[in-house]
PDB file of N, CA and C in Angstrom:
ATOM      1  N   UNK A   1      87.021 145.410 168.603  1.00  0.00           N
ATOM      2  CA  UNK A   1      88.278 145.114 167.935  1.00  0.00           C
ATOM      3  C   UNK A   1      88.154 143.856 167.075  1.00  0.00           C
ATOM      4  N   UNK A   2      87.483 142.837 167.630  1.00  0.00           N
ATOM      5  CA  UNK A   2      87.300 141.602 166.867  1.00  0.00           C
ATOM      6  C   UNK A   2      86.485 141.855 165.597  1.00  0.00           C
ATOM      7  N   UNK A   3      85.497 142.739 165.720  1.00  0.00           N
ATOM      8  CA  UNK A   3      84.644 143.045 164.578  1.00  0.00           C
ATOM      9  C   UNK A   3      85.453 143.728 163.470  1.00  0.00           C
ATOM     10  N   UNK A   4      86.330 144.643 163.808  1.00  0.00           N
ATOM     11  CA  UNK A   4      87.178 145.326 162.823  1.00  0.00           C
ATOM     12  C   UNK A   4      88.116 144.331 162.157  1.00  0.00           C
ATOM     13  N   UNK A   5      88.719 143.442 162.934  1.00  0.00           N
ATOM     14  CA  UNK A   5      89.600 142.412 162.369  1.00  0.00           C
ATOM     15  C   UNK A   5      88.839 141.510 161.407  1.00  0.00           C
ATOM     16  N   UNK A   6      87.618 141.115 161.795  1.00  0.00           N
ATOM     17  CA  UNK A   6      86.791 140.256 160.948  1.00  0.00           C
ATOM     18  C   UNK A   6      86.462 140.947 159.622  1.00  0.00           C
ATOM     19  N   UNK A   7      86.045 142.204 159.674  1.00  0.00           N
ATOM     20  CA  UNK A   7      85.701 142.950 158.460  1.00  0.00           C
ATOM     21  C   UNK A   7      86.933 143.123 157.579  1.00  0.00           C
ATOM     22  N   UNK A   8      88.056 143.459 158.170  1.00  0.00           N
ATOM     23  CA  UNK A   8      89.295 143.612 157.393  1.00  0.00           C
ATOM     24  C   UNK A   8      89.712 142.302 156.741  1.00  0.00           C
ATOM     25  N   UNK A   9      89.532 141.201 157.440  1.00  0.00           N
ATOM     26  CA  UNK A   9      89.875 139.883 156.888  1.00  0.00           C
ATOM     27  C   UNK A   9      89.007 139.551 155.687  1.00  0.00           C
ATOM     28  N   UNK A  10      87.713 139.806 155.784  1.00  0.00           N
ATOM     29  CA  UNK A  10      86.799 139.539 154.666  1.00  0.00           C
ATOM     30  C   UNK A  10      87.164 140.401 153.461  1.00  0.00           C
ATOM     31  N   UNK A  11      87.428 141.666 153.683  1.00  0.00           N
ATOM     32  CA  UNK A  11      87.807 142.567 152.592  1.00  0.00           C
ATOM     33  C   UNK A  11      89.110 142.095 151.944  1.00  0.00           C
ATOM     34  N   UNK A  12      90.092 141.716 152.743  1.00  0.00           N
ATOM     35  CA  UNK A  12      91.374 141.260 152.209  1.00  0.00           C
ATOM     36  C   UNK A  12      91.203 139.980 151.398  1.00  0.00           C
ATOM     37  N   UNK A  13      90.429 139.016 151.902  1.00  0.00           N
ATOM     38  CA  UNK A  13      90.214 137.766 151.170  1.00  0.00           C
ATOM     39  C   UNK A  13      89.474 138.011 149.861  1.00  0.00           C
ATOM     40  N   UNK A  14      88.516 138.897 149.863  1.00  0.00           N
ATOM     41  CA  UNK A  14      87.791 139.232 148.635  1.00  0.00           C
ATOM     42  C   UNK A  14      88.729 139.870 147.620  1.00  0.00           C
ATOM     43  N   UNK A  15      89.575 140.779 148.078  1.00  0.00           N
ATOM     44  CA  UNK A  15      90.534 141.461 147.216  1.00  0.00           C
ATOM     45  C   UNK A  15      91.517 140.474 146.606  1.00  0.00           C
ATOM     46  N   UNK A  16      92.102 139.587 147.428  1.00  0.00           N
ATOM     47  CA  UNK A  16      93.058 138.589 146.942  1.00  0.00           C
ATOM     48  C   UNK A  16      92.355 137.597 146.019  1.00  0.00           C
ATOM     49  N   UNK A  17      91.143 137.179 146.354  1.00  0.00           N
ATOM     50  CA  UNK A  17      90.391 136.229 145.529  1.00  0.00           C
ATOM     51  C   UNK A  17      90.108 136.750 144.144  1.00  0.00           C
ATOM     52  N   UNK A  18      89.898 138.058 144.019  1.00  0.00           N
ATOM     53  CA  UNK A  18      89.631 138.610 142.698  1.00  0.00           C
ATOM     54  C   UNK A  18      90.857 138.501 141.795  1.00  0.00           C
ATOM     55  N   UNK A  19      92.054 138.585 142.361  1.00  0.00           N
ATOM     56  CA  UNK A  19      93.269 138.429 141.567  1.00  0.00           C
ATOM     57  C   UNK A  19      93.519 136.985 141.192  1.00  0.00           C
ATOM     58  N   UNK A  20      93.187 136.056 142.061  1.00  0.00           N
ATOM     59  CA  UNK A  20      93.405 134.638 141.784  1.00  0.00           C
ATOM     60  C   UNK A  20      92.513 134.176 140.643  1.00  0.00           C
ATOM     61  N   UNK A  21      91.271 134.665 140.591  1.00  0.00           N
ATOM     62  CA  UNK A  21      90.319 134.227 139.576  1.00  0.00           C
ATOM     63  C   UNK A  21      90.401 135.017 138.280  1.00  0.00           C
ATOM     64  N   UNK A  22      91.105 136.116 138.258  1.00  0.00           N
ATOM     65  CA  UNK A  22      91.185 136.950 137.061  1.00  0.00           C
ATOM     66  C   UNK A  22      92.129 136.329 136.040  1.00  0.00           C
ATOM     67  N   UNK A  23      91.715 136.393 134.759  1.00  0.00           N
ATOM     68  CA  UNK A  23      92.599 135.941 133.686  1.00  0.00           C
ATOM     69  C   UNK A  23      93.519 137.093 133.342  1.00  0.00           C
ATOM     70  N   UNK A  24      94.792 136.822 133.317  1.00  0.00           N
ATOM     71  CA  UNK A  24      95.756 137.874 133.027  1.00  0.00           C
ATOM     72  C   UNK A  24      95.942 138.029 131.534  1.00  0.00           C
ATOM     73  N   UNK A  25      96.321 139.223 131.141  1.00  0.00           N
ATOM     74  CA  UNK A  25      96.655 139.475 129.751  1.00  0.00           C
ATOM     75  C   UNK A  25      95.460 139.879 128.912  1.00  0.00           C
ATOM     76  N   UNK A  26      95.696 140.015 127.645  1.00  0.00           N
ATOM     77  CA  UNK A  26      94.694 140.445 126.682  1.00  0.00           C
ATOM     78  C   UNK A  26      93.701 139.332 126.405  1.00  0.00           C
ATOM     79  N   UNK A  27      92.401 139.645 126.390  1.00  0.00           N
ATOM     80  CA  UNK A  27      91.380 138.640 126.142  1.00  0.00           C
ATOM     81  C   UNK A  27      90.556 138.959 124.902  1.00  0.00           C
ATOM     82  N   UNK A  28      91.120 139.669 123.977  1.00  0.00           N
ATOM     83  CA  UNK A  28      90.412 140.013 122.754  1.00  0.00           C
ATOM     84  C   UNK A  28      90.795 139.073 121.629  1.00  0.00           C
ATOM     85  N   UNK A  29      90.459 139.465 120.406  1.00  0.00           N
ATOM     86  CA  UNK A  29      90.779 138.601 119.260  1.00  0.00           C
ATOM     87  C   UNK A  29      92.282 138.460 119.058  1.00  0.00           C
ATOM     88  N   UNK A  30      92.687 137.288 118.591  1.00  0.00           N
ATOM     89  CA  UNK A  30      94.091 137.012 118.323  1.00  0.00           C
ATOM     90  C   UNK A  30      94.360 137.045 116.838  1.00  0.00           C
ATOM     91  N   UNK A  31      95.443 136.413 116.427  1.00  0.00           N
ATOM     92  CA  UNK A  31      95.769 136.393 115.001  1.00  0.00           C
ATOM     93  C   UNK A  31      94.728 135.599 114.213  1.00  0.00           C
ATOM     94  N   UNK A  32      94.527 136.000 112.966  1.00  0.00           N
ATOM     95  CA  UNK A  32      93.612 135.283 112.085  1.00  0.00           C
ATOM     96  C   UNK A  32      94.224 133.960 111.653  1.00  0.00           C
ATOM     97  N   UNK A  33      93.371 133.019 111.283  1.00  0.00           N
ATOM     98  CA  UNK A  33      93.841 131.757 110.720  1.00  0.00           C
ATOM     99  C   UNK A  33      94.444 132.048 109.360  1.00  0.00           C
ATOM    100  N   UNK A  34      95.655 131.537 109.141  1.00  0.00           N
ATOM    101  CA  UNK A  34      96.319 131.699 107.854  1.00  0.00           C
ATOM    102  C   UNK A  34      96.581 130.315 107.261  1.00  0.00           C
ATOM    103  N   UNK A  35      96.799 130.276 105.970  1.00  0.00           N
ATOM    104  CA  UNK A  35      97.143 129.020 105.313  1.00  0.00           C
ATOM    105  C   UNK A  35      98.650 128.787 105.409  1.00  0.00           C
ATOM    106  N   UNK A  36      99.050 127.569 105.119  1.00  0.00           N
ATOM    107  CA  UNK A  36     100.477 127.246 105.092  1.00  0.00           C
ATOM    108  C   UNK A  36     101.182 128.115 104.065  1.00  0.00           C
ATOM    109  N   UNK A  37     100.578 128.284 102.908  1.00  0.00           N
ATOM    110  CA  UNK A  37     101.175 129.098 101.853  1.00  0.00           C
ATOM    111  C   UNK A  37     101.388 130.541 102.325  1.00  0.00           C
ATOM    112  N   UNK A  38     100.405 131.101 103.023  1.00  0.00           N
ATOM    113  CA  UNK A  38     100.543 132.461 103.545  1.00  0.00           C
ATOM    114  C   UNK A  38     101.620 132.523 104.634  1.00  0.00           C
ATOM    115  N   UNK A  39     101.646 131.519 105.511  1.00  0.00           N
ATOM    116  CA  UNK A  39     102.623 131.497 106.610  1.00  0.00           C
ATOM    117  C   UNK A  39     104.052 131.492 106.083  1.00  0.00           C
ATOM    118  N   UNK A  40     104.295 130.810 104.973  1.00  0.00           N
ATOM    119  CA  UNK A  40     105.638 130.729 104.404  1.00  0.00           C
ATOM    120  C   UNK A  40     106.156 132.083 103.926  1.00  0.00           C
ATOM    121  N   UNK A  41     105.259 133.031 103.673  1.00  0.00           N
ATOM    122  CA  UNK A  41     105.695 134.341 103.178  1.00  0.00           C
ATOM    123  C   UNK A  41     105.749 135.404 104.272  1.00  0.00           C
ATOM    124  N   UNK A  42     105.386 135.048 105.492  1.00  0.00           N
ATOM    125  CA  UNK A  42     105.379 136.022 106.577  1.00  0.00           C
ATOM    126  C   UNK A  42     106.770 136.188 107.181  1.00  0.00           C
ATOM    127  N   UNK A  43     106.986 137.304 107.867  1.00  0.00           N
ATOM    128  CA  UNK A  43     108.285 137.600 108.475  1.00  0.00           C
ATOM    129  C   UNK A  43     108.522 136.731 109.705  1.00  0.00           C
ATOM    130  N   UNK A  44     109.756 136.651 110.128  1.00  0.00           N
ATOM    131  CA  UNK A  44     110.153 135.888 111.308  1.00  0.00           C
ATOM    132  C   UNK A  44     109.415 136.409 112.541  1.00  0.00           C
ATOM    133  N   UNK A  45     109.011 135.506 113.416  1.00  0.00           N
ATOM    134  CA  UNK A  45     108.320 135.801 114.677  1.00  0.00           C
ATOM    135  C   UNK A  45     106.891 136.320 114.496  1.00  0.00           C
ATOM    136  N   UNK A  46     106.357 136.259 113.288  1.00  0.00           N
ATOM    137  CA  UNK A  46     104.989 136.724 113.062  1.00  0.00           C
ATOM    138  C   UNK A  46     104.014 135.731 113.689  1.00  0.00           C
ATOM    139  N   UNK A  47     103.024 136.197 114.484  1.00  0.00           N
ATOM    140  CA  UNK A  47     102.074 135.272 115.111  1.00  0.00           C
ATOM    141  C   UNK A  47     101.100 134.701 114.082  1.00  0.00           C
ATOM    142  N   UNK A  48     100.853 133.392 114.167  1.00  0.00           N
ATOM    143  CA  UNK A  48      99.958 132.731 113.217  1.00  0.00           C
ATOM    144  C   UNK A  48      99.066 131.720 113.936  1.00  0.00           C
ATOM    145  N   UNK A  49      97.959 131.410 113.284  1.00  0.00           N
ATOM    146  CA  UNK A  49      97.095 130.296 113.660  1.00  0.00           C
ATOM    147  C   UNK A  49      96.897 129.483 112.389  1.00  0.00           C
ATOM    148  N   UNK A  50      97.226 128.202 112.447  1.00  0.00           N
ATOM    149  CA  UNK A  50      97.059 127.304 111.306  1.00  0.00           C
ATOM    150  C   UNK A  50      95.975 126.283 111.623  1.00  0.00           C
ATOM    151  N   UNK A  51      95.187 125.926 110.621  1.00  0.00           N
ATOM    152  CA  UNK A  51      94.169 124.894 110.798  1.00  0.00           C
ATOM    153  C   UNK A  51      94.358 123.857 109.702  1.00  0.00           C
ATOM    154  N   UNK A  52      94.559 122.605 110.109  1.00  0.00           N
ATOM    155  CA  UNK A  52      94.780 121.523 109.151  1.00  0.00           C
ATOM    156  C   UNK A  52      95.049 120.222 109.880  1.00  0.00           C
ATOM    157  N   UNK A  53      95.928 119.396 109.308  1.00  0.00           N
ATOM    158  CA  UNK A  53      96.203 118.061 109.863  1.00  0.00           C
ATOM    159  C   UNK A  53      97.698 117.862 110.056  1.00  0.00           C
ATOM    160  N   UNK A  54      98.027 117.077 111.061  1.00  0.00           N
ATOM    161  CA  UNK A  54      99.410 116.653 111.241  1.00  0.00           C
ATOM    162  C   UNK A  54      99.553 115.328 110.511  1.00  0.00           C
ATOM    163  N   UNK A  55     100.400 115.311 109.492  1.00  0.00           N
ATOM    164  CA  UNK A  55     100.560 114.127 108.651  1.00  0.00           C
ATOM    165  C   UNK A  55     101.463 113.073 109.284  1.00  0.00           C
ATOM    166  N   UNK A  56     102.573 113.541 109.909  1.00  0.00           N
ATOM    167  CA  UNK A  56     103.488 112.560 110.511  1.00  0.00           C
ATOM    168  C   UNK A  56     104.489 113.229 111.445  1.00  0.00           C
ATOM    169  N   UNK A  57     105.050 112.404 112.317  1.00  0.00           N
ATOM    170  CA  UNK A  57     106.089 112.816 113.246  1.00  0.00           C
ATOM    171  C   UNK A  57     107.429 112.716 112.537  1.00  0.00           C
ATOM    172  N   UNK A  58     108.248 113.764 112.620  1.00  0.00           N
ATOM    173  CA  UNK A  58     109.540 113.781 111.944  1.00  0.00           C
ATOM    174  C   UNK A  58     110.703 113.570 112.902  1.00  0.00           C
ATOM    175  N   UNK A  59     110.419 113.569 114.202  1.00  0.00           N
ATOM    176  CA  UNK A  59     111.464 113.416 115.201  1.00  0.00           C
ATOM    177  C   UNK A  59     111.817 114.751 115.831  1.00  0.00           C
ATOM    178  N   UNK A  60     112.353 114.698 117.048  1.00  0.00           N
ATOM    179  CA  UNK A  60     112.835 115.885 117.753  1.00  0.00           C
ATOM    180  C   UNK A  60     111.764 116.972 117.867  1.00  0.00           C
ATOM    181  N   UNK A  61     110.543 116.585 118.240  1.00  0.00           N
ATOM    182  CA  UNK A  61     109.407 117.490 118.448  1.00  0.00           C
ATOM    183  C   UNK A  61     108.957 118.200 117.175  1.00  0.00           C
ATOM    184  N   UNK A  62     109.315 117.666 116.009  1.00  0.00           N
ATOM    185  CA  UNK A  62     108.920 118.274 114.728  1.00  0.00           C
ATOM    186  C   UNK A  62     107.913 117.369 114.021  1.00  0.00           C
ATOM    187  N   UNK A  63     106.917 118.019 113.397  1.00  0.00           N
ATOM    188  CA  UNK A  63     105.825 117.330 112.721  1.00  0.00           C
ATOM    189  C   UNK A  63     105.580 117.964 111.366  1.00  0.00           C
ATOM    190  N   UNK A  64     105.100 117.162 110.420  1.00  0.00           N
ATOM    191  CA  UNK A  64     104.719 117.673 109.115  1.00  0.00           C
ATOM    192  C   UNK A  64     103.240 118.046 109.179  1.00  0.00           C
ATOM    193  N   UNK A  65     102.957 119.324 109.027  1.00  0.00           N
ATOM    194  CA  UNK A  65     101.601 119.860 109.090  1.00  0.00           C
ATOM    195  C   UNK A  65     101.139 120.180 107.676  1.00  0.00           C
ATOM    196  N   UNK A  66      99.876 119.857 107.353  1.00  0.00           N
ATOM    197  CA  UNK A  66      99.349 120.064 106.009  1.00  0.00           C
ATOM    198  C   UNK A  66      97.981 120.716 106.062  1.00  0.00           C
ATOM    199  N   UNK A  67      97.745 121.652 105.146  1.00  0.00           N
ATOM    200  CA  UNK A  67      96.394 122.153 104.893  1.00  0.00           C
ATOM    201  C   UNK A  67      96.158 122.101 103.389  1.00  0.00           C
ATOM    202  N   UNK A  68      95.096 122.740 102.927  1.00  0.00           N
ATOM    203  CA  UNK A  68      94.750 122.651 101.507  1.00  0.00           C
ATOM    204  C   UNK A  68      95.736 123.360 100.588  1.00  0.00           C
ATOM    205  N   UNK A  69      96.670 124.161 101.158  1.00  0.00           N
ATOM    206  CA  UNK A  69      97.605 124.915 100.316  1.00  0.00           C
ATOM    207  C   UNK A  69      99.028 124.359 100.332  1.00  0.00           C
ATOM    208  N   UNK A  70      99.318 123.429 101.225  1.00  0.00           N
ATOM    209  CA  UNK A  70     100.668 122.891 101.261  1.00  0.00           C
ATOM    210  C   UNK A  70     101.044 122.323 102.613  1.00  0.00           C
ATOM    211  N   UNK A  71     102.349 122.113 102.800  1.00  0.00           N
ATOM    212  CA  UNK A  71     102.880 121.511 104.026  1.00  0.00           C
ATOM    213  C   UNK A  71     103.982 122.383 104.608  1.00  0.00           C
ATOM    214  N   UNK A  72     104.144 122.282 105.927  1.00  0.00           N
ATOM    215  CA  UNK A  72     105.191 123.017 106.627  1.00  0.00           C
ATOM    216  C   UNK A  72     105.567 122.217 107.874  1.00  0.00           C
ATOM    217  N   UNK A  73     106.799 122.378 108.319  1.00  0.00           N
ATOM    218  CA  UNK A  73     107.238 121.719 109.547  1.00  0.00           C
ATOM    219  C   UNK A  73     106.820 122.576 110.733  1.00  0.00           C
ATOM    220  N   UNK A  74     106.238 121.911 111.738  1.00  0.00           N
ATOM    221  CA  UNK A  74     105.804 122.584 112.957  1.00  0.00           C
ATOM    222  C   UNK A  74     106.527 121.948 114.133  1.00  0.00           C
ATOM    223  N   UNK A  75     107.133 122.774 114.976  1.00  0.00           N
ATOM    224  CA  UNK A  75     107.774 122.282 116.187  1.00  0.00           C
ATOM    225  C   UNK A  75     106.785 122.417 117.342  1.00  0.00           C
ATOM    226  N   UNK A  76     106.439 121.272 117.953  1.00  0.00           N
ATOM    227  CA  UNK A  76     105.480 121.248 119.057  1.00  0.00           C
ATOM    228  C   UNK A  76     106.173 120.641 120.267  1.00  0.00           C
ATOM    229  N   UNK A  77     106.466 121.463 121.263  1.00  0.00           N
ATOM    230  CA  UNK A  77     107.080 120.959 122.500  1.00  0.00           C
ATOM    231  C   UNK A  77     106.189 119.898 123.125  1.00  0.00           C
ATOM    232  N   UNK A  78     106.790 118.885 123.712  1.00  0.00           N
ATOM    233  CA  UNK A  78     106.030 117.803 124.333  1.00  0.00           C
ATOM    234  C   UNK A  78     105.059 118.310 125.394  1.00  0.00           C
ATOM    235  N   UNK A  79     105.414 119.357 126.104  1.00  0.00           N
ATOM    236  CA  UNK A  79     104.551 119.881 127.173  1.00  0.00           C
ATOM    237  C   UNK A  79     103.249 120.467 126.638  1.00  0.00           C
ATOM    238  N   UNK A  80     103.187 120.827 125.350  1.00  0.00           N
ATOM    239  CA  UNK A  80     101.981 121.423 124.776  1.00  0.00           C
ATOM    240  C   UNK A  80     100.870 120.412 124.517  1.00  0.00           C
ATOM    241  N   UNK A  81     101.211 119.148 124.432  1.00  0.00           N
ATOM    242  CA  UNK A  81     100.202 118.133 124.111  1.00  0.00           C
ATOM    243  C   UNK A  81      99.195 117.953 125.244  1.00  0.00           C
ATOM    244  N   UNK A  82      99.628 118.026 126.490  1.00  0.00           N
ATOM    245  CA  UNK A  82      98.747 117.938 127.670  1.00  0.00           C
ATOM    246  C   UNK A  82      97.697 116.844 127.548  1.00  0.00           C
ATOM    247  N   UNK A  83      98.112 115.662 127.140  1.00  0.00           N
ATOM    248  CA  UNK A  83      97.196 114.530 127.054  1.00  0.00           C
ATOM    249  C   UNK A  83      96.371 114.469 125.778  1.00  0.00           C
ATOM    250  N   UNK A  84      96.518 115.444 124.890  1.00  0.00           N
ATOM    251  CA  UNK A  84      95.788 115.453 123.626  1.00  0.00           C
ATOM    252  C   UNK A  84      96.335 114.367 122.714  1.00  0.00           C
ATOM    253  N   UNK A  85      95.441 113.626 122.091  1.00  0.00           N
ATOM    254  CA  UNK A  85      95.837 112.573 121.163  1.00  0.00           C
ATOM    255  C   UNK A  85      95.168 112.832 119.814  1.00  0.00           C
ATOM    256  N   UNK A  86      95.971 112.925 118.762  1.00  0.00           N
ATOM    257  CA  UNK A  86      95.442 113.157 117.416  1.00  0.00           C
ATOM    258  C   UNK A  86      96.104 112.197 116.442  1.00  0.00           C
ATOM    259  N   UNK A  87      95.438 111.969 115.314  1.00  0.00           N
ATOM    260  CA  UNK A  87      96.056 111.215 114.227  1.00  0.00           C
ATOM    261  C   UNK A  87      95.914 112.023 112.941  1.00  0.00           C
ATOM    262  N   UNK A  88      96.354 111.476 111.825  1.00  0.00           N
ATOM    263  CA  UNK A  88      96.384 112.232 110.568  1.00  0.00           C
ATOM    264  C   UNK A  88      94.994 112.557 110.018  1.00  0.00           C
ATOM    265  N   UNK A  89      93.935 111.998 110.602  1.00  0.00           N
ATOM    266  CA  UNK A  89      92.576 112.303 110.156  1.00  0.00           C
ATOM    267  C   UNK A  89      91.930 113.434 110.948  1.00  0.00           C
ATOM    268  N   UNK A  90      92.554 113.849 112.061  1.00  0.00           N
ATOM    269  CA  UNK A  90      91.992 114.892 112.918  1.00  0.00           C
ATOM    270  C   UNK A  90      92.407 116.281 112.440  1.00  0.00           C
ATOM    271  N   UNK A  91      91.465 117.213 112.504  1.00  0.00           N
ATOM    272  CA  UNK A  91      91.779 118.611 112.225  1.00  0.00           C
ATOM    273  C   UNK A  91      92.221 119.260 113.524  1.00  0.00           C
ATOM    274  N   UNK A  92      93.346 119.975 113.458  1.00  0.00           N
ATOM    275  CA  UNK A  92      93.878 120.662 114.633  1.00  0.00           C
ATOM    276  C   UNK A  92      94.075 122.134 114.318  1.00  0.00           C
ATOM    277  N   UNK A  93      94.110 122.918 115.374  1.00  0.00           N
ATOM    278  CA  UNK A  93      94.430 124.328 115.246  1.00  0.00           C
ATOM    279  C   UNK A  93      95.699 124.577 116.040  1.00  0.00           C
ATOM    280  N   UNK A  94      96.705 125.095 115.370  1.00  0.00           N
ATOM    281  CA  UNK A  94      97.999 125.351 115.989  1.00  0.00           C
ATOM    282  C   UNK A  94      98.224 126.862 116.019  1.00  0.00           C
ATOM    283  N   UNK A  95      98.480 127.366 117.217  1.00  0.00           N
ATOM    284  CA  UNK A  95      98.829 128.767 117.399  1.00  0.00           C
ATOM    285  C   UNK A  95     100.329 128.830 117.638  1.00  0.00           C
ATOM    286  N   UNK A  96     100.992 129.769 117.017  1.00  0.00           N
ATOM    287  CA  UNK A  96     102.438 129.874 117.186  1.00  0.00           C
ATOM    288  C   UNK A  96     102.985 131.077 116.459  1.00  0.00           C
ATOM    289  N   UNK A  97     104.248 130.941 116.055  1.00  0.00           N
ATOM    290  CA  UNK A  97     104.874 132.029 115.306  1.00  0.00           C
ATOM    291  C   UNK A  97     105.794 131.458 114.236  1.00  0.00           C
ATOM    292  N   UNK A  98     105.994 132.260 113.215  1.00  0.00           N
ATOM    293  CA  UNK A  98     106.863 131.880 112.104  1.00  0.00           C
ATOM    294  C   UNK A  98     108.311 131.880 112.594  1.00  0.00           C
ATOM    295  N   UNK A  99     109.034 130.848 112.216  1.00  0.00           N
ATOM    296  CA  UNK A  99     110.456 130.722 112.565  1.00  0.00           C
ATOM    297  C   UNK A  99     111.228 130.582 111.257  1.00  0.00           C
ATOM    298  N   UNK A 100     111.782 131.701 110.783  1.00  0.00           N
ATOM    299  CA  UNK A 100     112.501 131.703 109.514  1.00  0.00           C
ATOM    300  C   UNK A 100     113.983 131.481 109.742  1.00  0.00           C
ATOM    301  N   UNK A 101     114.550 130.610 108.924  1.00  0.00           N
ATOM    302  CA  UNK A 101     115.981 130.363 108.933  1.00  0.00           C
ATOM    303  C   UNK A 101     116.556 130.676 107.568  1.00  0.00           C
ATOM    304  N   UNK A 102     117.808 130.309 107.370  1.00  0.00           N
ATOM    305  CA  UNK A 102     118.490 130.605 106.116  1.00  0.00           C
ATOM    306  C   UNK A 102     117.798 129.963 104.917  1.00  0.00           C
ATOM    307  N   UNK A 103     117.522 128.671 104.996  1.00  0.00           N
ATOM    308  CA  UNK A 103     116.924 127.963 103.855  1.00  0.00           C
ATOM    309  C   UNK A 103     115.590 127.311 104.203  1.00  0.00           C
ATOM    310  N   UNK A 104     114.957 127.702 105.314  1.00  0.00           N
ATOM    311  CA  UNK A 104     113.735 127.029 105.708  1.00  0.00           C
ATOM    312  C   UNK A 104     112.818 127.974 106.472  1.00  0.00           C
ATOM    313  N   UNK A 105     111.542 127.661 106.453  1.00  0.00           N
ATOM    314  CA  UNK A 105     110.550 128.352 107.276  1.00  0.00           C
ATOM    315  C   UNK A 105     109.755 127.285 108.006  1.00  0.00           C
ATOM    316  N   UNK A 106     109.667 127.444 109.328  1.00  0.00           N
ATOM    317  CA  UNK A 106     108.917 126.515 110.167  1.00  0.00           C
ATOM    318  C   UNK A 106     107.980 127.318 111.050  1.00  0.00           C
ATOM    319  N   UNK A 107     107.135 126.614 111.781  1.00  0.00           N
ATOM    320  CA  UNK A 107     106.256 127.229 112.757  1.00  0.00           C
ATOM    321  C   UNK A 107     106.630 126.688 114.130  1.00  0.00           C
ATOM    322  N   UNK A 108     106.830 127.576 115.082  1.00  0.00           N
ATOM    323  CA  UNK A 108     107.078 127.168 116.465  1.00  0.00           C
ATOM    324  C   UNK A 108     105.758 127.314 117.210  1.00  0.00           C
ATOM    325  N   UNK A 109     105.174 126.186 117.608  1.00  0.00           N
ATOM    326  CA  UNK A 109     103.854 126.184 118.224  1.00  0.00           C
ATOM    327  C   UNK A 109     103.906 126.674 119.674  1.00  0.00           C
ATOM    328  N   UNK A 110     102.847 127.394 120.069  1.00  0.00           N
ATOM    329  CA  UNK A 110     102.680 127.767 121.471  1.00  0.00           C
ATOM    330  C   UNK A 110     101.457 127.085 122.064  1.00  0.00           C
ATOM    331  N   UNK A 111     100.556 126.568 121.190  1.00  0.00           N
ATOM    332  CA  UNK A 111      99.421 125.773 121.661  1.00  0.00           C
ATOM    333  C   UNK A 111      98.880 124.942 120.497  1.00  0.00           C
ATOM    334  N   UNK A 112      98.188 123.871 120.869  1.00  0.00           N
ATOM    335  CA  UNK A 112      97.542 123.000 119.886  1.00  0.00           C
ATOM    336  C   UNK A 112      96.230 122.526 120.467  1.00  0.00           C
ATOM    337  N   UNK A 113      95.203 122.485 119.620  1.00  0.00           N
ATOM    338  CA  UNK A 113      93.915 121.944 120.057  1.00  0.00           C
ATOM    339  C   UNK A 113      93.241 121.246 118.888  1.00  0.00           C
ATOM    340  N   UNK A 114      92.425 120.252 119.225  1.00  0.00           N
ATOM    341  CA  UNK A 114      91.658 119.530 118.218  1.00  0.00           C
ATOM    342  C   UNK A 114      90.413 120.348 117.904  1.00  0.00           C
ATOM    343  N   UNK A 115      90.109 120.481 116.601  1.00  0.00           N
ATOM    344  CA  UNK A 115      88.942 121.266 116.172  1.00  0.00           C
ATOM    345  C   UNK A 115      87.829 120.336 115.787  1.00  0.00           C
TER     346      UNK A 115
END
């Protein structure tokens, strides 16, 4: 009886461990890197990846982001920084989605990393 319990315990721990270590969700290619100019013409909620520089903080979690084609406002929640420190000379990659309003287009970031 002890042997059966031991074997069942090992099998159960192995089964549960495989779920803990597995990455959930899709692990294939994501959206292509687009320019600021291209992002401004995309539809609302369209997924984007931007590569460029953050020029300055505008307040209320909003930043002026610039690449070789222009500038756009990017909203980056404080929780996304996770200890990352950048200045206007650093190249960053921002993943997010287009946020279109009546008279403006912004990017709502879901992640940021230094490139």
